[in-house]
Amino acid sequence: RASAVVGCVESYELASRAVALAEERFGGLDIVIANAGVLRDRTLLKMPVEDLDRVLDVHMRGTAYTVHAAWPSLI
């Protein structure tokens, strides 16, 4: 079973909404898989800074925001 929220977890609001939905539907959390990612088919030297920012926002902030929102349910 799964739950889904459409959007991007680079927003803390959306990441926490996704966690809250899963907690509501399943009565809590036992595990979180935070594997959000977005790719740009370019090497680092050929990647515009805007694309690099987007990749880092989704990969790093998305993971951190999701885990941060879920942490209280996991301890």
C-alpha atoms as a PDB file:
ATOM      1  CA  ARG A   1       0.000   0.000   0.000  1.00  0.00           C
ATOM      2  CA  ALA A   2       1.124   3.531  -0.646  1.00  0.00           C
ATOM      3  CA  SER A   3      -0.021   7.120  -0.526  1.00  0.00           C
ATOM      4  CA  ALA A   4       0.933   9.952  -2.828  1.00  0.00           C
ATOM      5  CA  VAL A   5       0.975  13.725  -2.922  1.00  0.00           C
ATOM      6  CA  VAL A   6       1.617  15.372  -6.276  1.00  0.00           C
ATOM      7  CA  GLY A   7       4.327  18.006  -6.186  1.00  0.00           C
ATOM      8  CA  CYS A   8       7.959  18.452  -5.326  1.00  0.00           C
ATOM      9  CA  VAL A   9       9.497  17.702  -1.933  1.00  0.00           C
ATOM     10  CA  GLU A  10      11.932  20.588  -2.343  1.00  0.00           C
ATOM     11  CA  SER A  11       9.130  22.450  -0.531  1.00  0.00           C
ATOM     12  CA  TYR A  12       8.967  21.696   3.199  1.00  0.00           C
ATOM     13  CA  GLU A  13       5.206  22.245   3.086  1.00  0.00           C
ATOM     14  CA  LEU A  14       4.738  19.501   0.503  1.00  0.00           C
ATOM     15  CA  ALA A  15       7.174  17.096   2.162  1.00  0.00           C
ATOM     16  CA  SER A  16       5.419  17.471   5.510  1.00  0.00           C
ATOM     17  CA  ARG A  17       1.996  17.111   3.838  1.00  0.00           C
ATOM     18  CA  ALA A  18       3.112  13.822   2.258  1.00  0.00           C
ATOM     19  CA  VAL A  19       4.319  12.542   5.635  1.00  0.00           C
ATOM     20  CA  ALA A  20       1.088  13.655   7.363  1.00  0.00           C
ATOM     21  CA  LEU A  21      -1.014  11.907   4.713  1.00  0.00           C
ATOM     22  CA  ALA A  22       0.894   8.643   5.156  1.00  0.00           C
ATOM     23  CA  GLU A  23       0.576   8.879   8.948  1.00  0.00           C
ATOM     24  CA  GLU A  24      -3.160   9.502   8.635  1.00  0.00           C
ATOM     25  CA  ARG A  25      -3.818   6.711   6.141  1.00  0.00           C
ATOM     26  CA  PHE A  26      -1.651   4.083   7.806  1.00  0.00           C
ATOM     27  CA  GLY A  27      -1.793   5.059  11.455  1.00  0.00           C
ATOM     28  CA  GLY A  28       1.876   6.004  11.712  1.00  0.00           C
ATOM     29  CA  LEU A  29       5.206   5.316  10.077  1.00  0.00           C
ATOM     30  CA  ASP A  30       7.673   2.466  10.463  1.00  0.00           C
ATOM     31  CA  ILE A  31      10.042   3.484   7.673  1.00  0.00           C
ATOM     32  CA  VAL A  32      10.665   6.362   5.276  1.00  0.00           C
ATOM     33  CA  ILE A  33      12.263   5.990   1.873  1.00  0.00           C
ATOM     34  CA  ALA A  34      13.386   9.436   0.838  1.00  0.00           C
ATOM     35  CA  ASN A  35      14.595   8.885  -2.699  1.00  0.00           C
ATOM     36  CA  ALA A  36      13.431  11.994  -4.531  1.00  0.00           C
ATOM     37  CA  GLY A  37      15.614  13.022  -7.404  1.00  0.00           C
ATOM     38  CA  VAL A  38      15.717  14.958 -10.618  1.00  0.00           C
ATOM     39  CA  LEU A  39      18.383  14.564 -13.269  1.00  0.00           C
ATOM     40  CA  ARG A  40      19.825  16.802 -15.907  1.00  0.00           C
ATOM     41  CA  ASP A  41      21.606  14.937 -18.685  1.00  0.00           C
ATOM     42  CA  ARG A  42      24.768  17.043 -18.526  1.00  0.00           C
ATOM     43  CA  THR A  43      28.150  16.933 -16.911  1.00  0.00           C
ATOM     44  CA  LEU A  44      28.751  19.376 -14.081  1.00  0.00           C
ATOM     45  CA  LEU A  45      30.849  21.701 -16.249  1.00  0.00           C
ATOM     46  CA  LYS A  46      28.124  21.875 -18.914  1.00  0.00           C
ATOM     47  CA  MET A  47      25.281  22.357 -16.440  1.00  0.00           C
ATOM     48  CA  PRO A  48      23.890  25.867 -15.946  1.00  0.00           C
ATOM     49  CA  VAL A  49      23.894  26.997 -12.321  1.00  0.00           C
ATOM     50  CA  GLU A  50      20.077  27.083 -12.321  1.00  0.00           C
ATOM     51  CA  ASP A  51      19.961  23.364 -13.186  1.00  0.00           C
ATOM     52  CA  LEU A  52      22.528  22.593 -10.500  1.00  0.00           C
ATOM     53  CA  ASP A  53      20.445  24.490  -7.941  1.00  0.00           C
ATOM     54  CA  ARG A  54      17.342  22.496  -8.919  1.00  0.00           C
ATOM     55  CA  VAL A  55      19.172  19.159  -8.643  1.00  0.00           C
ATOM     56  CA  LEU A  56      20.579  20.049  -5.226  1.00  0.00           C
ATOM     57  CA  ASP A  57      17.241  21.381  -3.974  1.00  0.00           C
ATOM     58  CA  VAL A  58      15.384  18.202  -4.877  1.00  0.00           C
ATOM     59  CA  HIS A  59      18.098  15.696  -3.920  1.00  0.00           C
ATOM     60  CA  MET A  60      19.285  17.320  -0.707  1.00  0.00           C
ATOM     61  CA  ARG A  61      16.417  19.473   0.564  1.00  0.00           C
ATOM     62  CA  GLY A  62      13.784  16.956  -0.522  1.00  0.00           C
ATOM     63  CA  THR A  63      15.489  14.186   1.418  1.00  0.00           C
ATOM     64  CA  ALA A  64      16.162  16.360   4.470  1.00  0.00           C
ATOM     65  CA  TYR A  65      12.646  17.836   4.544  1.00  0.00           C
ATOM     66  CA  THR A  66      10.968  14.434   4.253  1.00  0.00           C
ATOM     67  CA  VAL A  67      13.106  12.844   6.956  1.00  0.00           C
ATOM     68  CA  HIS A  68      12.715  15.909   9.206  1.00  0.00           C
ATOM     69  CA  ALA A  69       8.919  15.768   8.927  1.00  0.00           C
ATOM     70  CA  ALA A  70       8.839  12.010   9.537  1.00  0.00           C
ATOM     71  CA  TRP A  71      11.371  11.844  12.365  1.00  0.00           C
ATOM     72  CA  PRO A  72       8.937  12.337  15.285  1.00  0.00           C
ATOM     73  CA  SER A  73       6.921   9.331  14.109  1.00  0.00           C
ATOM     74  CA  LEU A  74      10.018   7.182  13.785  1.00  0.00           C
ATOM     75  CA  ILE A  75      11.479   7.628  17.255  1.00  0.00           C
END
